[in-house]
Each structure stands twice: as C-alpha cells, then as structure tokens.
C-alpha cells in the first residue's frame, strides 16, 4: 500500500493483491516503524450502511473508511479507483484510492523478455 499526502488530498495506491484482500477481509493495514517508540499506521476499512467515504486522523495514524458498495462496484468494473471529495470543517479533502498499475517500464521489460524467450 502506498500513501501520498498532498495539500488537500489523500491518495492511496493498492496492488491487485491488496485490493483482493480488502474486498475479502473488509480491511487492510500498513504500519511503518519510524523508531522504537514511534509507529505510523494507516488503514482502509469497508463500512456497511454508509454512502460517503470518511478519513480519520488520529495519533500517529490515518484511517480511511469506504462504503462497502463503492469498493464492490470498483472491484467488479474496469474502474482504476475511487475518488471522492470529502467536506471537512476547514474545506474539502480529495480522497483517491486506486489500483497501483504496473509501471510502464517494468511492463515493457517483461514483454521484451517474454518475446525473446
């Protein structure tokens, strides 16, 4: 899982395996050890019965809640991801959760290797 924070946006890229895991287990989490005493955690959770995404910023963590039906629609289509503008107390926050597509360069290397072999 790759997390990118910019001015007024949170962007997450998931591998196909991570997308499958999220869809199957309703949750995915990543922990980064910054030091022995400091961990940074971020997770994505599927939530039933809600229509909008929500982002929570807590102590050393970011938690993203996405309606289950949005992930189900995404997984069962050829959409690259989910984009939603979330209204906050201080303005808007753009949330982007998308599939981390294989980089073109790696794809070209694999294709060239396959045609030579």
Protein backbone atom coordinates (compact mmCIF):
# COMPACT_ATOMS: atom_id res chain seq x y z
CA UNK A 1 0.00 0.00 0.00
CA UNK A 2 1.36 3.39 -0.97
CA UNK A 3 0.19 6.52 0.80
CA UNK A 4 0.66 10.03 -0.56
CA UNK A 5 -0.39 13.18 1.25
CA UNK A 6 -0.59 16.45 -0.60
CA UNK A 7 -2.08 19.84 0.23
CA UNK A 8 -5.74 18.88 0.38
CA UNK A 9 -5.67 15.28 -0.73
CA UNK A 10 -5.01 11.77 0.49
CA UNK A 11 -4.03 9.29 -2.20
CA UNK A 12 -3.63 5.56 -1.69
CA UNK A 13 -2.45 3.04 -4.25
CA UNK A 14 -3.11 -0.64 -3.73
CA UNK A 15 -1.68 -3.63 -5.56
CA UNK A 16 -4.17 -6.08 -7.07
CA UNK A 17 -3.46 -8.47 -4.18
CA UNK A 18 -4.21 -5.73 -1.65
CA UNK A 19 -7.46 -4.89 -3.44
CA UNK A 20 -8.50 -8.55 -3.30
CA UNK A 21 -7.57 -8.70 0.40
CA UNK A 22 -9.55 -5.52 1.16
CA UNK A 23 -12.58 -6.86 -0.68
CA UNK A 24 -12.33 -10.26 1.03
CA UNK A 25 -11.40 -9.20 4.59
CA UNK A 26 -13.03 -5.72 4.70
CA UNK A 27 -9.82 -4.16 6.00
CA UNK A 28 -6.17 -3.64 5.16
CA UNK A 29 -3.48 -2.06 7.35
CA UNK A 30 0.11 -0.91 7.00
CA UNK A 31 2.49 0.01 9.83
CA UNK A 32 5.71 1.95 9.43
CA UNK A 33 8.27 1.81 12.22
CA UNK A 34 9.77 5.28 12.50
CA UNK A 35 11.69 4.50 15.68
CA UNK A 36 11.42 2.01 18.55
CA UNK A 37 8.81 4.21 20.24
CA UNK A 38 7.06 5.61 17.15
CA UNK A 39 4.87 3.72 14.75
CA UNK A 40 2.78 5.25 11.98
CA UNK A 41 -0.27 3.24 10.99
CA UNK A 42 -2.69 3.65 8.15
CA UNK A 43 -5.61 1.51 7.23
CA UNK A 44 -8.59 1.21 4.94
CA UNK A 45 -11.83 -0.26 6.25
CA UNK A 46 -15.06 -1.12 4.45
CA UNK A 47 -18.19 0.16 6.16
CA UNK A 48 -21.76 -1.03 5.64
CA UNK A 49 -24.77 1.26 5.58
CA UNK A 50 -22.96 4.50 4.72
CA UNK A 51 -22.81 6.35 1.41
CA UNK A 52 -19.72 8.55 1.78
CA UNK A 53 -16.06 7.99 2.50
CA UNK A 54 -14.51 9.28 5.69
CA UNK A 55 -10.91 9.95 6.72
CA UNK A 56 -9.86 9.99 10.39
CA UNK A 57 -6.57 11.48 11.50
CA UNK A 58 -5.52 10.26 14.92
CA UNK A 59 -2.43 9.90 16.99
CA UNK A 60 0.19 8.59 14.55
CA UNK A 61 -2.48 7.15 12.27
CA UNK A 62 -4.76 7.69 9.32
CA UNK A 63 -7.86 5.58 8.94
CA UNK A 64 -9.92 5.61 5.74
CA UNK A 65 -13.48 4.28 5.77
CA UNK A 66 -15.06 3.46 2.42
CA UNK A 67 -18.63 2.28 1.84
CA UNK A 68 -18.62 -1.43 1.02
CA UNK A 69 -20.76 -0.89 -2.08
CA UNK A 70 -18.20 1.55 -3.57
CA UNK A 71 -15.40 -1.00 -3.27
CA UNK A 72 -17.65 -3.74 -4.62
CA UNK A 73 -18.56 -1.57 -7.63
CA UNK A 74 -14.87 -0.77 -8.18
CA UNK A 75 -13.73 -4.40 -7.95
CA UNK A 76 -16.44 -5.58 -10.35
CA UNK A 77 -15.70 -2.97 -13.02
CA UNK A 78 -12.76 -1.72 -15.01
CA UNK A 79 -12.51 1.47 -12.94
CA UNK A 80 -8.99 2.33 -11.79
CA UNK A 81 -10.17 3.55 -8.42
CA UNK A 82 -12.43 5.58 -6.18
CA UNK A 83 -12.36 9.39 -5.99
CA UNK A 84 -14.41 11.39 -3.57
CA UNK A 85 -14.41 14.94 -2.25
CA UNK A 86 -14.97 14.91 1.50
CA UNK A 87 -16.34 18.01 3.19
CA UNK A 88 -14.44 18.89 6.37
CA UNK A 89 -14.59 21.67 8.97
CA UNK A 90 -11.85 23.54 7.11
CA UNK A 91 -12.83 22.88 3.49
CA UNK A 92 -12.64 19.93 1.14
CA UNK A 93 -10.35 16.92 1.12
CA UNK A 94 -9.89 14.83 -2.02
CA UNK A 95 -9.64 11.11 -1.34
CA UNK A 96 -8.24 8.90 -4.08
CA UNK A 97 -7.91 5.14 -3.66
CA UNK A 98 -6.74 3.39 -6.79
CA UNK A 99 -5.04 0.35 -8.18
CA UNK A 100 -1.28 0.67 -8.47
CA UNK A 101 -0.92 -0.22 -12.11
CA UNK A 102 2.28 -1.88 -13.16
CA UNK A 103 4.78 0.80 -14.22
CA UNK A 104 5.15 1.03 -18.00
CA UNK A 105 8.88 0.47 -17.85
CA UNK A 106 8.50 -2.80 -15.91
CA UNK A 107 5.72 -3.92 -18.24
CA UNK A 108 7.95 -3.23 -21.29
CA UNK A 109 10.84 -5.16 -19.72
CA UNK A 110 8.58 -8.17 -19.04
CA UNK A 111 7.07 -8.03 -22.54
CA UNK A 112 10.51 -7.85 -24.14
CA UNK A 113 11.73 -10.75 -22.01
CA UNK A 114 8.66 -12.84 -22.96
CA UNK A 115 9.15 -12.27 -26.71
CA UNK A 116 12.84 -13.23 -26.54
CA UNK A 117 12.19 -16.42 -24.57
